[in-house]
N, C-alpha and C. Protein backbone atom coordinates (compact mmCIF):
# COMPACT_ATOMS: atom_id res chain seq x y z
N THR A 1 205.61 103.27 6.24
CA THR A 1 205.27 104.03 5.05
C THR A 1 204.12 104.98 5.37
N PRO A 2 203.96 106.00 4.57
CA PRO A 2 202.85 106.92 4.82
C PRO A 2 201.49 106.23 4.78
N LEU A 3 201.32 105.26 3.89
CA LEU A 3 200.04 104.55 3.82
C LEU A 3 199.76 103.80 5.12
N ARG A 4 200.77 103.09 5.62
CA ARG A 4 200.60 102.35 6.87
C ARG A 4 200.31 103.31 8.03
N ASN A 5 201.03 104.42 8.08
CA ASN A 5 200.79 105.38 9.15
C ASN A 5 199.39 106.00 9.04
N GLY A 6 198.94 106.27 7.80
CA GLY A 6 197.60 106.79 7.61
C GLY A 6 196.53 105.78 8.01
N LEU A 7 196.75 104.51 7.69
CA LEU A 7 195.79 103.47 8.09
C LEU A 7 195.73 103.32 9.60
N THR A 8 196.88 103.43 10.25
CA THR A 8 196.90 103.34 11.71
C THR A 8 196.11 104.49 12.32
N LEU A 9 196.32 105.69 11.82
CA LEU A 9 195.57 106.84 12.32
C LEU A 9 194.08 106.69 12.01
N GLY A 10 193.76 106.16 10.83
CA GLY A 10 192.36 105.96 10.45
C GLY A 10 191.65 104.94 11.31
N SER A 11 192.38 103.95 11.80
CA SER A 11 191.76 102.95 12.67
C SER A 11 191.41 103.55 14.04
N GLN A 12 192.07 104.62 14.40
CA GLN A 12 191.81 105.27 15.68
C GLN A 12 190.80 106.41 15.56
N ASP A 13 190.61 106.94 14.35
CA ASP A 13 189.69 108.06 14.12
C ASP A 13 188.86 107.73 12.89
N LYS A 14 187.76 107.05 13.09
CA LYS A 14 186.94 106.55 11.97
C LYS A 14 186.19 107.67 11.23
N LYS A 15 186.07 108.85 11.83
CA LYS A 15 185.33 109.93 11.20
C LYS A 15 186.21 110.84 10.36
N ALA A 16 187.53 110.70 10.46
CA ALA A 16 188.45 111.57 9.72
C ALA A 16 188.46 111.19 8.24
N SER A 17 188.61 112.20 7.40
CA SER A 17 188.70 111.95 5.95
C SER A 17 190.12 111.52 5.60
N THR A 18 190.26 111.00 4.40
CA THR A 18 191.58 110.59 3.93
C THR A 18 192.54 111.78 3.91
N ARG A 19 192.06 112.91 3.46
CA ARG A 19 192.89 114.11 3.42
C ARG A 19 193.34 114.51 4.82
N ALA A 20 192.44 114.45 5.79
CA ALA A 20 192.80 114.82 7.16
C ALA A 20 193.83 113.85 7.74
N LEU A 21 193.68 112.58 7.42
CA LEU A 21 194.63 111.59 7.92
C LEU A 21 196.02 111.83 7.34
N TYR A 22 196.09 112.08 6.04
CA TYR A 22 197.39 112.33 5.43
C TYR A 22 197.99 113.65 5.87
N ARG A 23 197.14 114.61 6.20
CA ARG A 23 197.64 115.86 6.77
C ARG A 23 198.33 115.59 8.10
N LYS A 24 197.74 114.69 8.90
CA LYS A 24 198.36 114.31 10.18
C LYS A 24 199.66 113.55 9.95
N VAL A 25 199.67 112.65 8.95
CA VAL A 25 200.87 111.86 8.67
C VAL A 25 202.04 112.76 8.30
N PHE A 26 201.80 113.76 7.47
CA PHE A 26 202.87 114.64 6.99
C PHE A 26 202.95 115.95 7.75
N ARG A 27 202.40 116.00 8.95
CA ARG A 27 202.40 117.23 9.75
C ARG A 27 203.81 117.75 10.00
N GLY A 28 204.78 116.87 10.20
CA GLY A 28 206.15 117.29 10.48
C GLY A 28 207.00 117.48 9.25
N GLY A 29 206.42 117.48 8.06
CA GLY A 29 207.17 117.63 6.83
C GLY A 29 207.16 116.35 6.02
N PRO A 30 207.76 116.38 4.84
CA PRO A 30 207.73 115.20 3.97
C PRO A 30 208.34 113.95 4.59
N GLY A 31 209.39 114.09 5.36
CA GLY A 31 210.03 112.93 5.97
C GLY A 31 209.24 112.32 7.11
N ALA A 32 208.29 113.06 7.64
CA ALA A 32 207.52 112.57 8.78
C ALA A 32 206.63 111.38 8.43
N GLY A 33 206.29 111.23 7.16
CA GLY A 33 205.43 110.12 6.75
C GLY A 33 206.10 108.77 6.86
N TRP A 34 207.41 108.76 6.89
CA TRP A 34 208.14 107.50 6.92
C TRP A 34 208.69 107.18 8.31
N ILE A 35 208.17 107.83 9.34
CA ILE A 35 208.62 107.57 10.71
C ILE A 35 208.26 106.13 11.08
N GLY A 36 209.18 105.46 11.72
CA GLY A 36 208.94 104.09 12.16
C GLY A 36 209.56 103.05 11.26
N GLY A 37 210.10 103.45 10.13
CA GLY A 37 210.69 102.49 9.22
C GLY A 37 212.16 102.21 9.47
N ALA A 38 212.83 103.08 10.21
CA ALA A 38 214.28 102.93 10.40
C ALA A 38 214.62 101.73 11.29
N ALA A 39 213.87 101.53 12.35
CA ALA A 39 214.19 100.42 13.27
C ALA A 39 214.07 99.05 12.60
N PRO A 40 212.99 98.75 11.89
CA PRO A 40 212.93 97.46 11.19
C PRO A 40 213.98 97.34 10.08
N ALA A 41 214.33 98.45 9.44
CA ALA A 41 215.31 98.40 8.35
C ALA A 41 216.69 98.01 8.87
N VAL A 42 217.02 98.42 10.09
CA VAL A 42 218.32 98.08 10.66
C VAL A 42 218.49 96.57 10.75
N VAL A 43 217.42 95.87 11.07
CA VAL A 43 217.46 94.41 11.16
C VAL A 43 217.25 93.77 9.79
N ALA A 44 216.39 94.34 8.98
CA ALA A 44 216.03 93.72 7.70
C ALA A 44 217.16 93.79 6.67
N CYS A 45 217.91 94.86 6.65
CA CYS A 45 218.96 95.00 5.62
C CYS A 45 220.02 93.91 5.71
N PRO A 46 220.62 93.65 6.87
CA PRO A 46 221.60 92.56 6.92
C PRO A 46 220.99 91.20 6.58
N GLN A 47 219.77 90.96 7.01
CA GLN A 47 219.12 89.69 6.68
C GLN A 47 218.93 89.57 5.18
N PHE A 48 218.49 90.64 4.54
CA PHE A 48 218.26 90.63 3.10
C PHE A 48 219.57 90.40 2.34
N LEU A 49 220.64 91.08 2.78
CA LEU A 49 221.92 90.96 2.10
C LEU A 49 222.56 89.59 2.30
N ALA A 50 222.30 88.94 3.43
CA ALA A 50 222.90 87.64 3.72
C ALA A 50 222.08 86.48 3.16
N LEU A 51 220.83 86.70 2.87
CA LEU A 51 219.94 85.61 2.48
C LEU A 51 220.44 84.85 1.25
N GLY A 52 220.78 85.55 0.19
CA GLY A 52 221.23 84.89 -1.03
C GLY A 52 222.52 84.11 -0.85
N PRO A 53 223.59 84.76 -0.36
CA PRO A 53 224.85 84.02 -0.19
C PRO A 53 224.74 82.85 0.78
N VAL A 54 224.01 83.01 1.87
CA VAL A 54 223.86 81.91 2.82
C VAL A 54 223.09 80.76 2.19
N TYR A 55 222.06 81.07 1.43
CA TYR A 55 221.29 80.03 0.75
C TYR A 55 222.18 79.24 -0.20
N HIS A 56 222.93 79.94 -1.03
CA HIS A 56 223.77 79.25 -2.01
C HIS A 56 224.87 78.42 -1.34
N PHE A 57 225.44 78.94 -0.25
CA PHE A 57 226.46 78.19 0.49
C PHE A 57 225.87 76.91 1.07
N LEU A 58 224.73 77.04 1.75
CA LEU A 58 224.11 75.87 2.37
C LEU A 58 223.61 74.88 1.31
N ASN A 59 223.10 75.39 0.21
CA ASN A 59 222.63 74.53 -0.87
C ASN A 59 223.78 73.69 -1.41
N ALA A 60 224.92 74.32 -1.62
CA ALA A 60 226.09 73.58 -2.12
C ALA A 60 226.57 72.56 -1.09
N GLN A 61 226.58 72.92 0.18
CA GLN A 61 227.04 72.01 1.23
C GLN A 61 226.12 70.79 1.34
N ILE A 62 224.84 71.03 1.30
CA ILE A 62 223.86 69.93 1.44
C ILE A 62 223.91 69.04 0.20
N ARG A 63 224.02 69.66 -0.98
CA ARG A 63 224.10 68.89 -2.22
C ARG A 63 225.34 67.98 -2.21
N ASP A 64 226.48 68.52 -1.73
CA ASP A 64 227.69 67.72 -1.65
C ASP A 64 227.56 66.61 -0.62
N ALA A 65 226.88 66.89 0.48
CA ALA A 65 226.71 65.89 1.55
C ALA A 65 225.79 64.75 1.11
N LEU A 66 224.85 65.02 0.23
CA LEU A 66 223.91 63.99 -0.22
C LEU A 66 224.47 63.12 -1.35
N ARG A 67 225.59 63.50 -1.91
CA ARG A 67 226.18 62.71 -3.01
C ARG A 67 226.93 61.55 -2.52
């Protein structure tokens, strides 16, 4: 996210102002602020979509096994 990218830049340049940091974050245009989010999303989306159905399936299986 732009906030995370700005914080990362701020940790490396302690004298820069908030405005200067965000200028660096969005230097490549509006979409540049979200660089770095695509790779984790590729892994996170399937996990997020499978979490609910897998939980309910396993919950039902374990509940039946304990009866």
